[in-house]
Amino acid sequence: MEPSDTRLPAIIQQAEILSTDDVPTTLIVPALITALGDAAGWRYIEFFAANIRNPHTRRAYARACSLFFGWCEQRDLALAAIRPFDVAAYIEVQQQEHSAPGVKP
């Protein structure tokens, strides 16, 4: 496996979570999590499956986490190295990219 392949997200098929309308949703586990092993990957999935009952909220939070972890990967941040400063920097970037034109956050 080449180093660039390790940055791809892992798809854990066994972790299909059924929404209230029985439409399967595959949860993609970010590479930063899968790099810590199977137990970390399953804990990530269990968090969304067990702690977030609303399927829309679950998808929104999973998407937000995926975007954040992707941002961290682009900056070569390991999971254990992420600090509050990094979270604040990510939020700042998001505010700048998604604010209305002419509006400063």
PDB file of N, CA and C in Angstrom:
ATOM      1  N   MET A   1       0.831  -1.162   0.000  1.00  0.00           N
ATOM      2  CA  MET A   1       0.000   0.000   0.000  1.00  0.00           C
ATOM      3  C   MET A   1       0.888   1.242   0.000  1.00  0.00           C
ATOM      4  N   GLU A   2       0.618   2.169  -0.881  1.00  0.00           N
ATOM      5  CA  GLU A   2       1.400   3.394  -0.955  1.00  0.00           C
ATOM      6  C   GLU A   2       0.955   4.363   0.127  1.00  0.00           C
ATOM      7  N   PRO A   3       1.830   5.261   0.572  1.00  0.00           N
ATOM      8  CA  PRO A   3       1.486   6.204   1.637  1.00  0.00           C
ATOM      9  C   PRO A   3       0.226   7.004   1.356  1.00  0.00           C
ATOM     10  N   SER A   4      -0.021   7.386   0.106  1.00  0.00           N
ATOM     11  CA  SER A   4      -1.218   8.175  -0.190  1.00  0.00           C
ATOM     12  C   SER A   4      -2.492   7.364   0.051  1.00  0.00           C
ATOM     13  N   ASP A   5      -2.423   6.036  -0.076  1.00  0.00           N
ATOM     14  CA  ASP A   5      -3.588   5.190   0.152  1.00  0.00           C
ATOM     15  C   ASP A   5      -4.032   5.210   1.607  1.00  0.00           C
ATOM     16  N   THR A   6      -3.122   5.470   2.534  1.00  0.00           N
ATOM     17  CA  THR A   6      -3.475   5.461   3.949  1.00  0.00           C
ATOM     18  C   THR A   6      -4.335   6.664   4.320  1.00  0.00           C
ATOM     19  N   ARG A   7      -4.423   7.640   3.463  1.00  0.00           N
ATOM     20  CA  ARG A   7      -5.202   8.838   3.761  1.00  0.00           C
ATOM     21  C   ARG A   7      -6.648   8.698   3.306  1.00  0.00           C
ATOM     22  N   LEU A   8      -6.977   7.630   2.619  1.00  0.00           N
ATOM     23  CA  LEU A   8      -8.345   7.447   2.164  1.00  0.00           C
ATOM     24  C   LEU A   8      -9.216   6.981   3.324  1.00  0.00           C
ATOM     25  N   PRO A   9     -10.486   7.385   3.346  1.00  0.00           N
ATOM     26  CA  PRO A   9     -11.363   6.920   4.420  1.00  0.00           C
ATOM     27  C   PRO A   9     -11.670   5.433   4.259  1.00  0.00           C
ATOM     28  N   ALA A  10     -11.932   4.794   5.359  1.00  0.00           N
ATOM     29  CA  ALA A  10     -12.317   3.383   5.337  1.00  0.00           C
ATOM     30  C   ALA A  10     -13.830   3.299   5.381  1.00  0.00           C
ATOM     31  N   ILE A  11     -14.390   2.406   4.611  1.00  0.00           N
ATOM     32  CA  ILE A  11     -15.828   2.169   4.657  1.00  0.00           C
ATOM     33  C   ILE A  11     -16.032   0.842   5.347  1.00  0.00           C
ATOM     34  N   ILE A  12     -16.724   0.863   6.459  1.00  0.00           N
ATOM     35  CA  ILE A  12     -16.966  -0.361   7.214  1.00  0.00           C
ATOM     36  C   ILE A  12     -18.387  -0.814   6.911  1.00  0.00           C
ATOM     37  N   GLN A  13     -18.507  -1.802   6.046  1.00  0.00           N
ATOM     38  CA  GLN A  13     -19.815  -2.239   5.573  1.00  0.00           C
ATOM     39  C   GLN A  13     -20.691  -2.807   6.688  1.00  0.00           C
ATOM     40  N   GLN A  14     -20.079  -3.476   7.670  1.00  0.00           N
ATOM     41  CA  GLN A  14     -20.851  -4.072   8.747  1.00  0.00           C
ATOM     42  C   GLN A  14     -21.553  -3.013   9.596  1.00  0.00           C
ATOM     43  N   ALA A  15     -21.158  -1.775   9.436  1.00  0.00           N
ATOM     44  CA  ALA A  15     -21.670  -0.712  10.292  1.00  0.00           C
ATOM     45  C   ALA A  15     -22.862   0.006   9.681  1.00  0.00           C
ATOM     46  N   GLU A  16     -23.582  -0.642   8.796  1.00  0.00           N
ATOM     47  CA  GLU A  16     -24.743   0.015   8.228  1.00  0.00           C
ATOM     48  C   GLU A  16     -25.737   0.316   9.339  1.00  0.00           C
ATOM     49  N   ILE A  17     -26.164   1.550   9.360  1.00  0.00           N
ATOM     50  CA  ILE A  17     -27.089   2.001  10.391  1.00  0.00           C
ATOM     51  C   ILE A  17     -28.411   2.289   9.707  1.00  0.00           C
ATOM     52  N   LEU A  18     -29.473   1.700  10.196  1.00  0.00           N
ATOM     53  CA  LEU A  18     -30.765   1.914   9.572  1.00  0.00           C
ATOM     54  C   LEU A  18     -31.426   3.152  10.155  1.00  0.00           C
ATOM     55  N   SER A  19     -31.902   4.003   9.266  1.00  0.00           N
ATOM     56  CA  SER A  19     -32.634   5.172   9.720  1.00  0.00           C
ATOM     57  C   SER A  19     -34.061   4.753  10.026  1.00  0.00           C
ATOM     58  N   THR A  20     -34.871   5.681  10.447  1.00  0.00           N
ATOM     59  CA  THR A  20     -36.237   5.349  10.825  1.00  0.00           C
ATOM     60  C   THR A  20     -37.061   4.845   9.651  1.00  0.00           C
ATOM     61  N   ASP A  21     -36.676   5.210   8.437  1.00  0.00           N
ATOM     62  CA  ASP A  21     -37.423   4.735   7.272  1.00  0.00           C
ATOM     63  C   ASP A  21     -36.755   3.517   6.636  1.00  0.00           C
ATOM     64  N   ASP A  22     -35.873   2.849   7.389  1.00  0.00           N
ATOM     65  CA  ASP A  22     -35.204   1.616   6.977  1.00  0.00           C
ATOM     66  C   ASP A  22     -34.368   1.758   5.712  1.00  0.00           C
ATOM     67  N   VAL A  23     -33.863   2.944   5.462  1.00  0.00           N
ATOM     68  CA  VAL A  23     -32.941   3.154   4.345  1.00  0.00           C
ATOM     69  C   VAL A  23     -31.530   3.026   4.899  1.00  0.00           C
ATOM     70  N   PRO A  24     -30.742   2.047   4.410  1.00  0.00           N
ATOM     71  CA  PRO A  24     -29.404   1.862   4.967  1.00  0.00           C
ATOM     72  C   PRO A  24     -28.497   3.059   4.678  1.00  0.00           C
ATOM     73  N   THR A  25     -27.678   3.376   5.661  1.00  0.00           N
ATOM     74  CA  THR A  25     -26.697   4.456   5.543  1.00  0.00           C
ATOM     75  C   THR A  25     -25.346   3.868   5.915  1.00  0.00           C
ATOM     76  N   THR A  26     -24.372   3.992   5.029  1.00  0.00           N
ATOM     77  CA  THR A  26     -23.036   3.510   5.333  1.00  0.00           C
ATOM     78  C   THR A  26     -22.249   4.646   5.950  1.00  0.00           C
ATOM     79  N   LEU A  27     -21.685   4.398   7.106  1.00  0.00           N
ATOM     80  CA  LEU A  27     -20.893   5.404   7.804  1.00  0.00           C
ATOM     81  C   LEU A  27     -19.446   5.258   7.378  1.00  0.00           C
ATOM     82  N   ILE A  28     -18.848   6.342   6.928  1.00  0.00           N
ATOM     83  CA  ILE A  28     -17.449   6.326   6.510  1.00  0.00           C
ATOM     84  C   ILE A  28     -16.603   6.792   7.683  1.00  0.00           C
ATOM     85  N   VAL A  29     -15.650   5.963   8.050  1.00  0.00           N
ATOM     86  CA  VAL A  29     -14.770   6.267   9.180  1.00  0.00           C
ATOM     87  C   VAL A  29     -13.524   6.960   8.641  1.00  0.00           C
ATOM     88  N   PRO A  30     -13.218   8.172   9.126  1.00  0.00           N
ATOM     89  CA  PRO A  30     -12.037   8.895   8.635  1.00  0.00           C
ATOM     90  C   PRO A  30     -10.743   8.126   8.874  1.00  0.00           C
ATOM     91  N   ALA A  31      -9.776   8.363   7.996  1.00  0.00           N
ATOM     92  CA  ALA A  31      -8.488   7.669   8.079  1.00  0.00           C
ATOM     93  C   ALA A  31      -7.764   7.946   9.392  1.00  0.00           C
ATOM     94  N   LEU A  32      -7.941   9.149   9.945  1.00  0.00           N
ATOM     95  CA  LEU A  32      -7.301   9.452  11.236  1.00  0.00           C
ATOM     96  C   LEU A  32      -7.791   8.503  12.328  1.00  0.00           C
ATOM     97  N   ILE A  33      -9.031   8.076  12.232  1.00  0.00           N
ATOM     98  CA  ILE A  33      -9.601   7.145  13.217  1.00  0.00           C
ATOM     99  C   ILE A  33      -9.157   5.722  12.907  1.00  0.00           C
ATOM    100  N   THR A  34      -9.255   5.316  11.643  1.00  0.00           N
ATOM    101  CA  THR A  34      -8.900   3.934  11.295  1.00  0.00           C
ATOM    102  C   THR A  34      -7.422   3.660  11.523  1.00  0.00           C
ATOM    103  N   ALA A  35      -6.601   4.708  11.468  1.00  0.00           N
ATOM    104  CA  ALA A  35      -5.166   4.524  11.715  1.00  0.00           C
ATOM    105  C   ALA A  35      -4.902   4.035  13.140  1.00  0.00           C
ATOM    106  N   LEU A  36      -5.860   4.237  14.028  1.00  0.00           N
ATOM    107  CA  LEU A  36      -5.698   3.808  15.419  1.00  0.00           C
ATOM    108  C   LEU A  36      -6.155   2.374  15.647  1.00  0.00           C
ATOM    109  N   GLY A  37      -6.663   1.721  14.601  1.00  0.00           N
ATOM    110  CA  GLY A  37      -7.048   0.316  14.710  1.00  0.00           C
ATOM    111  C   GLY A  37      -8.549   0.094  14.669  1.00  0.00           C
ATOM    112  N   ASP A  38      -8.902  -1.185  14.619  1.00  0.00           N
ATOM    113  CA  ASP A  38     -10.312  -1.570  14.507  1.00  0.00           C
ATOM    114  C   ASP A  38     -11.158  -1.086  15.677  1.00  0.00           C
ATOM    115  N   ALA A  39     -10.614  -1.154  16.876  1.00  0.00           N
ATOM    116  CA  ALA A  39     -11.391  -0.748  18.057  1.00  0.00           C
ATOM    117  C   ALA A  39     -11.785   0.726  17.964  1.00  0.00           C
ATOM    118  N   ALA A  40     -10.877   1.566  17.509  1.00  0.00           N
ATOM    119  CA  ALA A  40     -11.188   2.992  17.369  1.00  0.00           C
ATOM    120  C   ALA A  40     -12.242   3.204  16.294  1.00  0.00           C
ATOM    121  N   GLY A  41     -12.129   2.479  15.195  1.00  0.00           N
ATOM    122  CA  GLY A  41     -13.129   2.584  14.126  1.00  0.00           C
ATOM    123  C   GLY A  41     -14.511   2.194  14.593  1.00  0.00           C
ATOM    124  N   TRP A  42     -14.592   1.092  15.323  1.00  0.00           N
ATOM    125  CA  TRP A  42     -15.898   0.651  15.821  1.00  0.00           C
ATOM    126  C   TRP A  42     -16.437   1.606  16.883  1.00  0.00           C
ATOM    127  N   ARG A  43     -15.579   2.177  17.708  1.00  0.00           N
ATOM    128  CA  ARG A  43     -16.046   3.140  18.716  1.00  0.00           C
ATOM    129  C   ARG A  43     -16.602   4.386  18.045  1.00  0.00           C
ATOM    130  N   TYR A  44     -15.970   4.806  16.965  1.00  0.00           N
ATOM    131  CA  TYR A  44     -16.450   5.953  16.189  1.00  0.00           C
ATOM    132  C   TYR A  44     -17.870   5.675  15.685  1.00  0.00           C
ATOM    133  N   ILE A  45     -18.054   4.500  15.121  1.00  0.00           N
ATOM    134  CA  ILE A  45     -19.373   4.113  14.600  1.00  0.00           C
ATOM    135  C   ILE A  45     -20.387   3.992  15.733  1.00  0.00           C
ATOM    136  N   GLU A  46     -19.977   3.375  16.828  1.00  0.00           N
ATOM    137  CA  GLU A  46     -20.894   3.209  17.969  1.00  0.00           C
ATOM    138  C   GLU A  46     -21.345   4.549  18.520  1.00  0.00           C
ATOM    139  N   PHE A  47     -20.462   5.545  18.521  1.00  0.00           N
ATOM    140  CA  PHE A  47     -20.858   6.868  18.996  1.00  0.00           C
ATOM    141  C   PHE A  47     -22.055   7.374  18.202  1.00  0.00           C
ATOM    142  N   PHE A  48     -21.980   7.312  16.893  1.00  0.00           N
ATOM    143  CA  PHE A  48     -23.076   7.809  16.061  1.00  0.00           C
ATOM    144  C   PHE A  48     -24.314   6.928  16.180  1.00  0.00           C
ATOM    145  N   ALA A  49     -24.125   5.625  16.233  1.00  0.00           N
ATOM    146  CA  ALA A  49     -25.268   4.707  16.272  1.00  0.00           C
ATOM    147  C   ALA A  49     -25.990   4.729  17.612  1.00  0.00           C
ATOM    148  N   ALA A  50     -25.251   4.784  18.702  1.00  0.00           N
ATOM    149  CA  ALA A  50     -25.862   4.672  20.028  1.00  0.00           C
ATOM    150  C   ALA A  50     -26.237   6.009  20.654  1.00  0.00           C
ATOM    151  N   ASN A  51     -25.513   7.058  20.322  1.00  0.00           N
ATOM    152  CA  ASN A  51     -25.713   8.327  21.011  1.00  0.00           C
ATOM    153  C   ASN A  51     -26.569   9.331  20.255  1.00  0.00           C
ATOM    154  N   ILE A  52     -26.741   9.152  18.967  1.00  0.00           N
ATOM    155  CA  ILE A  52     -27.501  10.115  18.176  1.00  0.00           C
ATOM    156  C   ILE A  52     -28.678   9.383  17.539  1.00  0.00           C
ATOM    157  N   ARG A  53     -29.842   9.568  18.096  1.00  0.00           N
ATOM    158  CA  ARG A  53     -31.013   8.815  17.651  1.00  0.00           C
ATOM    159  C   ARG A  53     -31.627   9.369  16.367  1.00  0.00           C
ATOM    160  N   ASN A  54     -31.625  10.670  16.188  1.00  0.00           N
ATOM    161  CA  ASN A  54     -32.254  11.252  15.008  1.00  0.00           C
ATOM    162  C   ASN A  54     -31.368  11.005  13.784  1.00  0.00           C
ATOM    163  N   PRO A  55     -31.905  10.364  12.746  1.00  0.00           N
ATOM    164  CA  PRO A  55     -31.075  10.028  11.583  1.00  0.00           C
ATOM    165  C   PRO A  55     -30.536  11.260  10.849  1.00  0.00           C
ATOM    166  N   HIS A  56     -31.300  12.349  10.836  1.00  0.00           N
ATOM    167  CA  HIS A  56     -30.836  13.567  10.165  1.00  0.00           C
ATOM    168  C   HIS A  56     -29.679  14.199  10.942  1.00  0.00           C
ATOM    169  N   THR A  57     -29.803  14.222  12.260  1.00  0.00           N
ATOM    170  CA  THR A  57     -28.727  14.749  13.103  1.00  0.00           C
ATOM    171  C   THR A  57     -27.489  13.873  12.968  1.00  0.00           C
ATOM    172  N   ARG A  58     -27.701  12.558  12.950  1.00  0.00           N
ATOM    173  CA  ARG A  58     -26.588  11.616  12.817  1.00  0.00           C
ATOM    174  C   ARG A  58     -25.820  11.878  11.524  1.00  0.00           C
ATOM    175  N   ARG A  59     -26.536  12.041  10.411  1.00  0.00           N
ATOM    176  CA  ARG A  59     -25.876  12.308   9.131  1.00  0.00           C
ATOM    177  C   ARG A  59     -25.154  13.657   9.148  1.00  0.00           C
ATOM    178  N   ALA A  60     -25.785  14.666   9.726  1.00  0.00           N
ATOM    179  CA  ALA A  60     -25.168  15.996   9.775  1.00  0.00           C
ATOM    180  C   ALA A  60     -23.889  15.968  10.610  1.00  0.00           C
ATOM    181  N   TYR A  61     -23.931  15.316  11.765  1.00  0.00           N
ATOM    182  CA  TYR A  61     -22.745  15.245  12.624  1.00  0.00           C
ATOM    183  C   TYR A  61     -21.646  14.416  11.969  1.00  0.00           C
ATOM    184  N   ALA A  62     -22.029  13.312  11.327  1.00  0.00           N
ATOM    185  CA  ALA A  62     -21.039  12.470  10.652  1.00  0.00           C
ATOM    186  C   ALA A  62     -20.371  13.249   9.524  1.00  0.00           C
ATOM    187  N   ARG A  63     -21.146  14.029   8.795  1.00  0.00           N
ATOM    188  CA  ARG A  63     -20.589  14.847   7.720  1.00  0.00           C
ATOM    189  C   ARG A  63     -19.646  15.905   8.288  1.00  0.00           C
ATOM    190  N   ALA A  64     -20.059  16.558   9.357  1.00  0.00           N
ATOM    191  CA  ALA A  64     -19.215  17.586   9.983  1.00  0.00           C
ATOM    192  C   ALA A  64     -17.895  16.977  10.469  1.00  0.00           C
ATOM    193  N   CYS A  65     -17.964  15.822  11.089  1.00  0.00           N
ATOM    194  CA  CYS A  65     -16.741  15.156  11.560  1.00  0.00           C
ATOM    195  C   CYS A  65     -15.857  14.767  10.386  1.00  0.00           C
ATOM    196  N   SER A  66     -16.465  14.264   9.331  1.00  0.00           N
ATOM    197  CA  SER A  66     -15.701  13.866   8.155  1.00  0.00           C
ATOM    198  C   SER A  66     -14.969  15.061   7.548  1.00  0.00           C
ATOM    199  N   LEU A  67     -15.648  16.193   7.444  1.00  0.00           N
ATOM    200  CA  LEU A  67     -15.013  17.395   6.906  1.00  0.00           C
ATOM    201  C   LEU A  67     -13.872  17.866   7.802  1.00  0.00           C
ATOM    202  N   PHE A  68     -14.097  17.860   9.111  1.00  0.00           N
ATOM    203  CA  PHE A  68     -13.058  18.291  10.036  1.00  0.00           C
ATOM    204  C   PHE A  68     -11.840  17.369   9.985  1.00  0.00           C
ATOM    205  N   PHE A  69     -12.081  16.055  10.018  1.00  0.00           N
ATOM    206  CA  PHE A  69     -10.949  15.126   9.980  1.00  0.00           C
ATOM    207  C   PHE A  69     -10.211  15.202   8.643  1.00  0.00           C
ATOM    208  N   GLY A  70     -10.939  15.445   7.549  1.00  0.00           N
ATOM    209  CA  GLY A  70     -10.289  15.634   6.254  1.00  0.00           C
ATOM    210  C   GLY A  70      -9.384  16.862   6.263  1.00  0.00           C
ATOM    211  N   TRP A  71      -9.866  17.938   6.889  1.00  0.00           N
ATOM    212  CA  TRP A  71      -9.066  19.158   7.035  1.00  0.00           C
ATOM    213  C   TRP A  71      -7.809  18.865   7.846  1.00  0.00           C
ATOM    214  N   CYS A  72      -7.959  18.105   8.914  1.00  0.00           N
ATOM    215  CA  CYS A  72      -6.804  17.731   9.742  1.00  0.00           C
ATOM    216  C   CYS A  72      -5.803  16.891   8.944  1.00  0.00           C
ATOM    217  N   GLU A  73      -6.301  15.959   8.150  1.00  0.00           N
ATOM    218  CA  GLU A  73      -5.422  15.110   7.338  1.00  0.00           C
ATOM    219  C   GLU A  73      -4.638  15.942   6.337  1.00  0.00           C
ATOM    220  N   GLN A  74      -5.277  16.938   5.735  1.00  0.00           N
ATOM    221  CA  GLN A  74      -4.583  17.804   4.780  1.00  0.00           C
ATOM    222  C   GLN A  74      -3.424  18.545   5.436  1.00  0.00           C
ATOM    223  N   ARG A  75      -3.509  18.735   6.736  1.00  0.00           N
ATOM    224  CA  ARG A  75      -2.464  19.435   7.476  1.00  0.00           C
ATOM    225  C   ARG A  75      -1.544  18.478   8.232  1.00  0.00           C
ATOM    226  N   ASP A  76      -1.672  17.190   7.940  1.00  0.00           N
ATOM    227  CA  ASP A  76      -0.849  16.148   8.565  1.00  0.00           C
ATOM    228  C   ASP A  76      -0.948  16.156  10.084  1.00  0.00           C
ATOM    229  N   LEU A  77      -2.149  16.428  10.594  1.00  0.00           N
ATOM    230  CA  LEU A  77      -2.369  16.389  12.044  1.00  0.00           C
ATOM    231  C   LEU A  77      -2.796  14.980  12.441  1.00  0.00           C
ATOM    232  N   ALA A  78      -2.083  14.377  13.349  1.00  0.00           N
ATOM    233  CA  ALA A  78      -2.492  13.083  13.908  1.00  0.00           C
ATOM    234  C   ALA A  78      -3.606  13.350  14.918  1.00  0.00           C
ATOM    235  N   LEU A  79      -4.435  12.372  15.162  1.00  0.00           N
ATOM    236  CA  LEU A  79      -5.567  12.550  16.064  1.00  0.00           C
ATOM    237  C   LEU A  79      -5.115  13.045  17.434  1.00  0.00           C
ATOM    238  N   ALA A  80      -4.067  12.459  17.965  1.00  0.00           N
ATOM    239  CA  ALA A  80      -3.579  12.842  19.297  1.00  0.00           C
ATOM    240  C   ALA A  80      -2.954  14.238  19.318  1.00  0.00           C
ATOM    241  N   ALA A  81      -2.634  14.775  18.142  1.00  0.00           N
ATOM    242  CA  ALA A  81      -1.987  16.089  18.070  1.00  0.00           C
ATOM    243  C   ALA A  81      -2.977  17.238  17.904  1.00  0.00           C
ATOM    244  N   ILE A  82      -4.262  16.928  17.696  1.00  0.00           N
ATOM    245  CA  ILE A  82      -5.258  17.981  17.485  1.00  0.00           C
ATOM    246  C   ILE A  82      -5.488  18.718  18.804  1.00  0.00           C
ATOM    247  N   ARG A  83      -5.321  20.041  18.749  1.00  0.00           N
ATOM    248  CA  ARG A  83      -5.475  20.884  19.938  1.00  0.00           C
ATOM    249  C   ARG A  83      -6.656  21.834  19.753  1.00  0.00           C
ATOM    250  N   PRO A  84      -7.106  22.472  20.826  1.00  0.00           N
ATOM    251  CA  PRO A  84      -8.190  23.458  20.692  1.00  0.00           C
ATOM    252  C   PRO A  84      -7.869  24.541  19.663  1.00  0.00           C
ATOM    253  N   PHE A  85      -6.589  24.907  19.553  1.00  0.00           N
ATOM    254  CA  PHE A  85      -6.188  25.893  18.557  1.00  0.00           C
ATOM    255  C   PHE A  85      -6.545  25.413  17.150  1.00  0.00           C
ATOM    256  N   ASP A  86      -6.334  24.129  16.869  1.00  0.00           N
ATOM    257  CA  ASP A  86      -6.625  23.575  15.550  1.00  0.00           C
ATOM    258  C   ASP A  86      -8.128  23.620  15.263  1.00  0.00           C
ATOM    259  N   VAL A  87      -8.922  23.310  16.262  1.00  0.00           N
ATOM    260  CA  VAL A  87     -10.380  23.364  16.102  1.00  0.00           C
ATOM    261  C   VAL A  87     -10.799  24.806  15.813  1.00  0.00           C
ATOM    262  N   ALA A  88     -10.238  25.761  16.552  1.00  0.00           N
ATOM    263  CA  ALA A  88     -10.556  27.168  16.340  1.00  0.00           C
ATOM    264  C   ALA A  88     -10.142  27.615  14.937  1.00  0.00           C
ATOM    265  N   ALA A  89      -8.984  27.163  14.471  1.00  0.00           N
ATOM    266  CA  ALA A  89      -8.524  27.511  13.127  1.00  0.00           C
ATOM    267  C   ALA A  89      -9.474  26.945  12.075  1.00  0.00           C
ATOM    268  N   TYR A  90      -9.937  25.712  12.272  1.00  0.00           N
ATOM    269  CA  TYR A  90     -10.887  25.096  11.342  1.00  0.00           C
ATOM    270  C   TYR A  90     -12.187  25.900  11.306  1.00  0.00           C
ATOM    271  N   ILE A  91     -12.690  26.266  12.450  1.00  0.00           N
ATOM    272  CA  ILE A  91     -13.937  27.038  12.520  1.00  0.00           C
ATOM    273  C   ILE A  91     -13.763  28.382  11.816  1.00  0.00           C
ATOM    274  N   GLU A  92     -12.632  29.003  12.013  1.00  0.00           N
ATOM    275  CA  GLU A  92     -12.350  30.290  11.352  1.00  0.00           C
ATOM    276  C   GLU A  92     -12.384  30.138   9.833  1.00  0.00           C
ATOM    277  N   VAL A  93     -11.750  29.092   9.331  1.00  0.00           N
ATOM    278  CA  VAL A  93     -11.738  28.836   7.887  1.00  0.00           C
ATOM    279  C   VAL A  93     -13.173  28.618   7.391  1.00  0.00           C
ATOM    280  N   GLN A  94     -13.950  27.847   8.125  1.00  0.00           N
ATOM    281  CA  GLN A  94     -15.326  27.587   7.721  1.00  0.00           C
ATOM    282  C   GLN A  94     -16.145  28.867   7.689  1.00  0.00           C
ATOM    283  N   GLN A  95     -15.965  29.724   8.681  1.00  0.00           N
ATOM    284  CA  GLN A  95     -16.700  30.982   8.714  1.00  0.00           C
ATOM    285  C   GLN A  95     -16.329  31.861   7.529  1.00  0.00           C
ATOM    286  N   GLN A  96     -15.054  31.892   7.172  1.00  0.00           N
ATOM    287  CA  GLN A  96     -14.616  32.705   6.042  1.00  0.00           C
ATOM    288  C   GLN A  96     -15.151  32.162   4.720  1.00  0.00           C
ATOM    289  N   GLU A  97     -15.163  30.841   4.584  1.00  0.00           N
ATOM    290  CA  GLU A  97     -15.603  30.222   3.330  1.00  0.00           C
ATOM    291  C   GLU A  97     -17.114  30.254   3.159  1.00  0.00           C
ATOM    292  N   HIS A  98     -17.858  30.266   4.251  1.00  0.00           N
ATOM    293  CA  HIS A  98     -19.306  30.121   4.155  1.00  0.00           C
ATOM    294  C   HIS A  98     -20.093  31.353   4.593  1.00  0.00           C
ATOM    295  N   SER A  99     -19.412  32.460   4.825  1.00  0.00           N
ATOM    296  CA  SER A  99     -20.146  33.670   5.188  1.00  0.00           C
ATOM    297  C   SER A  99     -20.678  34.340   3.931  1.00  0.00           C
ATOM    298  N   ALA A 100     -21.699  35.144   4.098  1.00  0.00           N
ATOM    299  CA  ALA A 100     -22.279  35.856   2.964  1.00  0.00           C
ATOM    300  C   ALA A 100     -21.260  36.846   2.411  1.00  0.00           C
ATOM    301  N   PRO A 101     -21.299  37.091   1.115  1.00  0.00           N
ATOM    302  CA  PRO A 101     -20.363  38.049   0.522  1.00  0.00           C
ATOM    303  C   PRO A 101     -20.478  39.415   1.206  1.00  0.00           C
ATOM    304  N   GLY A 102     -19.340  40.001   1.488  1.00  0.00           N
ATOM    305  CA  GLY A 102     -19.316  41.321   2.125  1.00  0.00           C
ATOM    306  C   GLY A 102     -19.510  41.306   3.620  1.00  0.00           C
ATOM    307  N   VAL A 103     -19.803  40.137   4.208  1.00  0.00           N
ATOM    308  CA  VAL A 103     -20.013  40.021   5.645  1.00  0.00           C
ATOM    309  C   VAL A 103     -18.764  39.402   6.247  1.00  0.00           C
ATOM    310  N   LYS A 104     -18.214  40.064   7.233  1.00  0.00           N
ATOM    311  CA  LYS A 104     -17.028  39.519   7.916  1.00  0.00           C
ATOM    312  C   LYS A 104     -17.467  38.843   9.197  1.00  0.00           C
ATOM    313  N   PRO A 105     -16.940  37.621   9.461  1.00  0.00           N
ATOM    314  CA  PRO A 105     -17.329  36.918  10.688  1.00  0.00           C
ATOM    315  C   PRO A 105     -16.847  37.615  11.930  1.00  0.00           C
TER     316      PRO A 105
END
